[in-house]
Protein backbone atom coordinates (compact mmCIF):
# COMPACT_ATOMS: atom_id res chain seq x y z
CA MET A 1 97.77 133.10 117.64
CA ALA A 2 97.95 130.33 115.04
CA VAL A 3 101.44 128.95 114.61
CA THR A 4 103.14 129.46 111.26
CA THR A 5 104.21 126.50 109.18
CA PRO A 6 107.99 126.95 109.77
CA LEU A 7 107.43 127.35 113.51
CA LEU A 8 105.58 124.02 113.73
CA ALA A 9 108.43 122.28 111.94
CA GLN A 10 110.84 123.86 114.41
CA LYS A 11 108.76 122.79 117.40
CA ILE A 12 108.88 119.19 116.21
CA ASN A 13 112.58 119.22 117.10
CA SER A 14 111.96 120.38 120.66
CA PRO A 15 111.20 117.94 123.54
CA ALA A 16 108.44 120.25 124.80
CA ASP A 17 104.80 119.41 124.18
CA ILE A 18 103.14 121.21 121.30
CA ALA A 19 99.69 122.63 121.90
CA PRO A 20 97.09 120.62 119.92
CA GLN A 21 95.71 123.78 118.33
CA ASP A 22 99.20 124.67 117.11
CA VAL A 23 99.55 121.22 115.55
CA HIS A 24 96.11 121.47 113.94
CA ASP A 25 96.74 124.92 112.52
CA GLY A 26 100.25 124.00 111.43
CA ILE A 27 99.10 120.90 109.53
CA ALA A 28 96.24 122.86 107.95
CA GLY A 29 98.71 125.53 106.90
CA ILE A 30 101.06 123.01 105.31
CA LEU A 31 98.21 121.36 103.41
CA ALA A 32 97.17 124.79 102.11
CA LEU A 33 100.61 125.53 100.65
CA PRO A 34 100.96 125.49 96.86
CA GLU A 35 101.82 122.10 95.39
CA GLY A 36 105.52 121.56 95.24
CA HIS A 37 108.73 120.53 96.93
CA THR A 38 108.32 122.82 99.95
CA ARG A 39 104.89 121.48 100.87
CA ASP A 40 105.99 117.87 100.45
CA VAL A 41 109.12 118.30 102.57
CA MET A 42 107.26 120.18 105.29
CA LEU A 43 104.47 117.61 105.43
CA GLY A 44 106.91 114.70 105.52
CA SER A 45 109.02 116.27 108.24
CA VAL A 46 106.10 117.09 110.49
CA LEU A 47 104.24 113.78 110.09
CA THR A 48 107.39 111.75 110.66
CA GLY A 49 108.41 113.94 113.59
CA LEU A 50 105.04 113.56 115.32
CA LEU A 51 105.44 109.78 115.24
CA LEU A 52 109.04 109.80 116.45
CA ARG A 53 108.26 112.17 119.35
CA GLY A 54 106.37 109.45 121.21
CA PRO A 55 103.87 109.48 119.67
CA ARG A 56 101.98 111.95 121.87
CA LEU A 57 98.27 111.32 121.48
CA GLU A 58 97.08 114.92 121.76
CA GLU A 59 99.47 116.02 119.03
CA VAL A 60 98.64 113.16 116.65
CA GLU A 61 94.91 113.55 117.26
CA ALA A 62 95.16 117.22 116.30
CA ALA A 63 97.04 116.33 113.11
CA ILE A 64 94.41 113.75 112.14
CA ARG A 65 91.56 116.15 112.78
CA ALA A 66 93.27 118.70 110.53
CA ALA A 67 93.75 116.12 107.77
CA THR A 68 90.16 114.84 107.88
CA ALA A 69 88.77 118.39 107.90
CA LEU A 70 89.53 118.72 104.19
CA ASP A 71 86.92 116.13 103.22
CA ARG A 72 84.85 115.12 106.23
CA SER A 73 81.91 117.45 105.57
CA GLY A 74 81.16 115.48 102.40
CA TRP A 75 81.21 112.01 103.96
CA ASP A 76 78.14 109.79 104.03
CA PHE A 77 77.64 107.21 106.78
CA HIS A 78 75.41 104.15 106.71
CA GLN A 79 74.17 102.05 109.60
CA PRO A 80 74.17 98.24 109.85
CA PRO A 81 70.81 96.57 110.54
CA VAL A 82 69.66 96.80 114.14
CA GLY A 83 71.07 93.93 116.16
CA THR A 84 73.83 93.10 113.65
CA ARG A 85 77.37 93.69 114.90
CA PHE A 86 79.54 94.81 112.00
CA VAL A 87 83.33 94.79 112.39
CA GLY A 88 85.19 97.36 110.32
CA TYR A 89 88.50 95.92 109.12
CA THR A 90 91.44 97.65 107.47
CA GLY A 91 95.16 98.31 107.83
CA SER A 92 97.79 100.98 107.55
CA GLY A 93 99.63 99.34 104.66
CA LYS A 94 103.32 100.13 104.14
CA LYS A 95 104.37 96.78 105.57
CA THR A 96 107.95 95.77 104.95
CA PHE A 97 107.13 92.09 104.39
CA LYS A 98 104.62 91.47 101.62
CA THR A 99 102.07 88.68 102.08
CA ILE A 100 99.32 87.02 100.11
CA ASN A 101 95.87 88.49 100.78
CA LEU A 102 95.67 87.22 104.37
CA SER A 103 93.31 89.88 105.65
CA THR A 104 90.68 89.47 102.92
CA ALA A 105 90.85 85.68 103.19
CA ALA A 106 90.52 85.95 106.97
CA ALA A 107 87.48 88.22 106.61
CA LEU A 108 85.78 85.64 104.38
CA VAL A 109 86.52 82.81 106.82
CA ALA A 110 85.21 84.90 109.71
CA ALA A 111 82.06 85.70 107.71
CA THR A 112 81.51 81.99 107.14
CA GLY A 113 81.83 81.55 110.90
CA GLY A 114 79.03 84.01 111.67
CA ALA A 115 80.88 87.35 111.74
CA HIS A 116 79.84 90.42 109.74
CA VAL A 117 82.97 92.06 108.36
CA ALA A 118 83.01 95.39 106.53
CA LYS A 119 86.36 95.16 104.72
CA LEU A 120 87.74 98.61 103.96
CA GLY A 121 90.42 98.80 101.32
CA SER A 122 92.03 100.13 98.20
CA ARG A 123 94.26 99.03 95.38
CA SER A 124 97.89 98.47 96.23
CA ALA A 125 100.55 100.66 94.68
CA SER A 126 103.54 98.35 95.10
CA SER A 127 102.36 95.07 96.60
CA LYS A 128 100.95 92.75 93.98
CA THR A 129 97.37 92.84 95.24
CA GLY A 130 95.56 95.00 97.76
CA SER A 131 92.08 94.11 98.97
CA ARG A 132 90.51 96.07 96.11
CA ASP A 133 92.66 94.17 93.60
CA PHE A 134 91.57 90.90 95.23
CA VAL A 135 87.89 91.80 94.83
CA ASP A 136 88.41 92.76 91.18
CA ILE A 137 90.43 89.65 90.30
CA VAL A 138 87.85 87.23 91.77
CA GLY A 139 85.16 88.84 89.57
CA ALA A 140 83.14 90.94 92.01
CA THR A 141 81.87 94.28 90.70
CA SER A 142 81.96 96.38 93.85
CA ASP A 143 82.33 99.67 91.93
CA THR A 144 78.71 99.53 90.79
CA VAL A 145 77.27 98.68 94.22
CA PRO A 146 76.01 101.67 96.27
CA HIS A 147 77.16 101.76 99.87
CA GLN A 148 73.72 101.00 101.30
CA GLU A 149 73.39 97.97 99.04
CA MET A 150 76.84 96.81 100.16
CA VAL A 151 75.68 97.15 103.77
CA ASP A 152 72.77 94.85 102.91
CA ILE A 153 75.15 92.36 101.25
CA THR A 154 77.35 92.41 104.36
CA ALA A 155 74.34 91.68 106.54
CA GLU A 156 73.30 88.77 104.32
CA VAL A 157 76.66 87.17 103.51
CA GLY A 158 78.77 88.34 106.43
CA PHE A 159 81.30 90.03 104.13
CA GLY A 160 81.24 93.33 102.29
CA PHE A 161 83.88 95.42 100.58
CA PHE A 162 83.94 99.21 100.89
CA SER A 163 86.50 101.08 98.81
CA ILE A 164 88.10 104.04 100.61
CA GLU A 165 90.06 105.23 97.58
CA ASN A 166 87.77 108.19 96.86
CA ARG A 167 86.85 108.93 100.47
CA VAL A 168 89.36 111.78 100.88
CA PRO A 169 89.94 113.30 97.42
CA GLU A 170 91.11 116.71 98.65
CA PHE A 171 93.53 115.25 101.19
CA ASP A 172 94.77 112.67 98.73
CA ARG A 173 95.47 115.37 96.15
CA ARG A 174 98.06 116.78 98.56
CA TYR A 175 99.20 113.48 100.05
CA GLY A 176 98.78 110.62 97.58
CA GLY A 177 101.85 108.86 96.25
CA ARG A 178 104.29 110.89 98.35
CA PHE A 179 104.76 108.66 101.41
CA GLN A 180 106.37 105.25 101.49
CA ALA A 181 106.71 104.69 105.24
CA VAL A 182 104.47 104.74 108.29
CA HIS A 183 104.06 108.16 109.96
CA ALA A 184 101.77 109.84 112.48
CA LEU A 185 98.56 109.69 110.43
CA SER A 186 99.10 105.95 109.89
CA LEU A 187 98.19 105.39 113.54
CA ALA A 188 94.52 106.02 112.82
CA PHE A 189 93.57 107.72 109.55
CA PRO A 190 92.53 104.72 107.37
CA ALA A 191 90.33 103.28 110.12
CA LEU A 192 88.29 106.51 110.15
CA LEU A 193 87.30 106.31 106.48
CA SER A 194 84.57 103.69 106.73
CA PRO A 195 81.30 104.66 105.02
CA VAL A 196 79.46 102.28 107.37
CA THR A 197 79.35 102.93 111.11
CA CYS A 198 80.55 99.78 112.91
CA PRO A 199 80.23 98.85 116.60
CA ALA A 200 83.72 97.30 116.48
CA TYR A 201 86.92 97.67 114.46
CA VAL A 202 90.11 95.73 113.80
CA TYR A 203 93.01 97.82 112.53
CA GLY A 204 96.33 96.41 111.35
CA LEU A 205 99.34 98.67 111.90
CA SER A 206 102.79 98.30 110.34
CA HIS A 207 104.38 99.77 113.47
CA PRO A 208 104.78 98.50 117.05
CA ALA A 209 102.78 101.38 118.62
CA VAL A 210 99.52 99.41 118.83
CA GLY A 211 98.63 100.80 122.26
CA ALA A 212 98.96 104.40 121.14
CA SER A 213 96.97 103.64 118.00
CA ALA A 214 94.14 101.91 119.87
CA ARG A 215 93.86 104.70 122.45
CA LEU A 216 93.92 107.29 119.68
CA LEU A 217 91.14 105.58 117.74
CA SER A 218 89.11 105.35 120.93
CA ARG A 219 89.56 109.09 121.49
CA LEU A 220 88.45 109.67 117.90
CA GLY A 221 85.17 107.88 118.48
CA LEU A 222 85.62 104.17 117.72
CA PRO A 223 83.74 102.38 120.53
CA ASP A 224 85.54 99.01 120.47
CA VAL A 225 88.80 98.72 118.58
CA THR A 226 91.68 96.24 118.42
CA VAL A 227 94.96 97.26 116.80
CA ILE A 228 97.39 94.52 115.77
CA ASN A 229 100.97 94.28 114.53
CA SER A 230 103.49 91.55 113.79
CA SER A 231 107.24 91.93 113.51
CA VAL A 232 110.01 89.64 112.38
CA GLY A 233 113.34 90.84 113.74
CA GLN A 234 113.85 94.54 114.31
CA ALA A 235 112.92 96.03 110.94
CA VAL A 236 110.17 93.89 109.39
CA GLN A 237 106.69 95.16 110.31
CA VAL A 238 103.38 93.67 109.14
CA ASP A 239 99.81 94.92 109.63
CA GLU A 240 98.43 91.38 110.04
CA LEU A 241 98.87 88.62 112.61
CA ILE A 242 101.69 86.29 111.55
CA PRO A 243 101.95 83.01 113.51
CA GLY A 244 105.19 82.49 115.36
CA SER A 245 106.30 86.11 115.02
CA THR A 246 106.38 88.84 117.65
CA VAL A 247 102.70 89.76 117.80
CA ARG A 248 101.27 92.86 119.44
CA ALA A 249 97.59 93.51 120.11
CA CYS A 250 95.72 96.18 122.01
CA ARG A 251 91.96 96.25 122.46
CA VAL A 252 90.32 99.37 123.88
CA SER A 253 86.58 99.18 124.56
CA ALA A 254 84.59 101.97 126.21
CA GLY A 255 87.88 103.68 126.99
CA GLY A 256 89.43 100.73 128.86
CA GLU A 257 92.16 98.35 127.71
CA ASP A 258 91.37 94.60 127.72
CA LEU A 259 94.66 93.11 128.88
CA ALA A 260 93.39 89.53 129.00
CA PHE A 261 92.22 89.75 125.40
CA ASN A 262 95.54 91.19 124.27
CA ASP A 263 97.37 88.29 125.92
CA ALA A 264 95.01 85.75 124.31
CA VAL A 265 95.88 87.07 120.84
CA ARG A 266 99.60 86.79 121.56
CA THR A 267 99.16 83.29 122.98
CA GLY A 268 97.22 82.19 119.92
CA ALA A 269 99.99 83.41 117.61
CA ALA A 270 102.69 81.78 119.73
CA SER A 271 100.89 78.41 119.59
CA MET A 272 101.50 78.16 115.83
CA PRO A 273 104.79 77.61 114.00
CA GLN A 274 106.27 80.34 111.85
CA ASP A 275 106.56 79.71 108.11
CA LEU A 276 107.03 82.96 106.21
CA THR A 277 107.42 81.19 102.88
CA SER A 278 103.82 79.99 102.98
CA VAL A 279 102.46 83.53 103.29
CA THR A 280 104.96 85.43 101.11
CA GLN A 281 103.35 87.15 98.16
CA HIS A 282 103.83 85.81 94.64
CA GLU A 283 105.25 87.73 91.70
CA ASP A 284 102.15 87.33 89.52
CA PRO A 285 99.07 89.20 90.83
CA ARG A 286 96.65 86.44 89.81
CA GLU A 287 98.78 83.80 91.48
CA ASN A 288 98.95 85.96 94.59
CA VAL A 289 95.16 85.99 94.77
CA ALA A 290 94.95 82.32 93.77
CA ALA A 291 97.15 81.43 96.76
CA ALA A 292 94.56 82.92 99.11
CA ILE A 293 91.73 81.25 97.17
CA ARG A 294 93.37 77.86 97.62
CA VAL A 295 93.31 78.40 101.37
CA LEU A 296 89.60 79.29 101.25
CA ALA A 297 88.90 76.20 99.16
CA GLY A 298 90.67 73.90 101.64
CA ARG A 299 93.35 73.00 99.09
CA ASP A 300 96.36 74.45 100.92
CA THR A 301 97.85 72.40 103.74
CA SER A 302 100.75 74.80 104.43
CA GLN A 303 101.03 77.13 107.41
CA ALA A 304 99.14 79.75 105.40
CA ARG A 305 95.92 78.18 106.68
CA ASN A 306 97.08 78.90 110.25
CA ALA A 307 97.79 82.53 109.41
CA VAL A 308 94.33 82.98 107.89
CA ALA A 309 92.70 81.16 110.82
CA LEU A 310 94.48 83.33 113.40
CA ASN A 311 93.32 86.58 111.79
CA ALA A 312 89.82 85.17 111.26
CA ALA A 313 89.62 84.19 114.94
CA LEU A 314 90.26 87.78 115.98
CA LEU A 315 87.47 88.99 113.69
CA MET A 316 85.06 86.36 115.00
CA VAL A 317 85.70 87.32 118.62
CA MET A 318 85.29 91.03 117.83
CA SER A 319 82.05 90.19 116.03
CA GLU A 320 80.92 88.01 118.97
CA ALA A 321 80.71 84.97 116.67
CA ALA A 322 83.28 83.14 118.85
CA PRO A 323 83.83 83.49 122.61
CA THR A 324 87.63 83.20 122.67
CA ILE A 325 90.63 83.42 120.35
CA ARG A 326 91.36 79.71 120.87
CA SER A 327 87.82 78.64 119.99
CA GLY A 328 87.88 81.05 117.06
CA ILE A 329 91.05 79.47 115.71
CA ASN A 330 89.55 75.99 115.95
CA LYS A 331 86.35 77.17 114.26
CA ALA A 332 88.29 78.90 111.50
CA LEU A 333 90.45 75.85 110.79
CA THR A 334 87.31 73.69 110.50
CA ILE A 335 85.84 76.18 108.01
CA ILE A 336 89.07 76.30 106.00
CA ASP A 337 89.49 72.53 105.84
CA ALA A 338 85.89 72.15 104.65
CA GLY A 339 86.35 74.77 101.92
CA ALA A 340 83.23 76.54 103.19
CA ALA A 341 84.64 80.07 102.91
CA LEU A 342 84.84 79.66 99.15
CA ASP A 343 81.06 79.38 99.10
CA THR A 344 80.86 82.69 100.98
CA LEU A 345 83.10 84.33 98.40
CA GLN A 346 81.05 82.90 95.53
CA GLN A 347 77.88 84.28 97.08
CA PHE A 348 79.49 87.71 97.53
CA VAL A 349 80.62 87.78 93.89
CA ARG A 350 77.13 86.84 92.73
CA LEU A 351 75.38 89.46 94.89
CA THR A 352 77.64 92.23 93.56
CA GLY A 353 76.65 91.32 90.01
CA GLY A 354 79.83 89.43 89.14
CA GLY A 355 80.08 86.14 87.28
CA PRO A 356 81.65 82.88 88.48
CA HIS A 357 84.15 82.33 85.66
CA GLN A 358 87.01 84.43 87.07
CA LEU A 359 86.85 82.72 90.44
CA ARG A 360 86.74 79.30 88.80
CA SER A 361 89.79 80.10 86.72
CA LEU A 362 91.76 80.92 89.86
CA LEU A 363 91.20 77.40 91.14
CA ARG A 364 92.84 75.83 88.11
CA PRO A 365 96.47 74.77 88.55
CA ILE A 366 98.89 77.56 87.68
CA ALA A 367 102.53 77.04 86.76
CA PRO A 368 104.77 77.89 89.74
CA THR A 369 106.15 81.42 89.72
CA ALA A 370 108.91 83.05 91.67
CA LEU A 371 108.06 84.48 95.06
CA LEU A 372 108.65 88.16 95.60
CA VAL A 373 110.73 88.00 98.76
CA SER A 374 112.45 91.36 98.70
CA GLN A 375 112.16 93.09 102.07
CA GLY A 376 112.95 96.48 100.61
CA VAL A 377 109.88 97.14 98.43
CA LYS A 378 107.64 99.72 100.07
CA GLU A 379 103.88 99.98 99.80
CA THR A 380 101.73 103.01 99.29
CA ALA A 381 98.42 103.04 101.14
CA PRO A 382 95.84 105.64 102.20
CA CYS A 383 98.13 106.59 105.12
């Protein structure tokens, strides 16, 4: 018998395992409740409880399957060209330390180094610029590009942007704007929204449970996935690799964990000094994007170049464009210092139908603005 909504919320407080079907039916029942305080409280309690209980993979998997069921029948999927290894790349959001657009900059550096990165993203609700904001501010017109054409651009340039904002409209109607912290669905949900099927994925998680996340994504059908996290102290969690911080990585390929690879990522991060100031987001959105552009153009000599190189190295290894993390870092730094990734971005903007003037304006000197260094601002993301 399907469990009732109150009973699932009660079971969350018990140490006993919950049958996956009970979790699935309970989540579906909560999502079907009328809009209002009761539904929001029930959903928040259950999703937070599922994370704090372990997380237990069978339970979280059932919750994710229930959430995706609202929209999945309407999804379209596109294939990369035969012989081209795309890497899907996204993150959970909700990080407690806000950075410049490290992940998008890293994807462009990796693309310049021979990778093919399908960047999945959306606008940010509280950070100054999400990946979608970055694409808009540099002058690309991704909204008008059909998914199959974006797949072709990714194959040609090595970088493509795929918005996931409208991928789950029914789920988002019940969920959007109501959650400010990581919960059970954050372990996997955004990584499942790609409109292009990729042989490999990199997923950034603003929570230390990278192993659980990687195993969960493997169970949900991703063939080769690496989940990463960085933390500074006990409370600050970031869904990118931050040099000199406590870095966690877990790669699961064909169901098995690659322990040597995980260690190589941690070693690469430990080999670089920590400088949080160089990667802290700026108050002005355009300046926040311009900070990343300066790295791509080879005009930034701060530790931000190391942070971009470290994340780019991971993407290049996952794309098989570099054999090791160490060689990937060296390759990325060479690309950054030469300003070559800016050419890749210019080509992407042009192929999406955008003009060069916005990108050029970002390279002009901008008066210094205050950094937004508050640790307490939360971010809203797809999950």
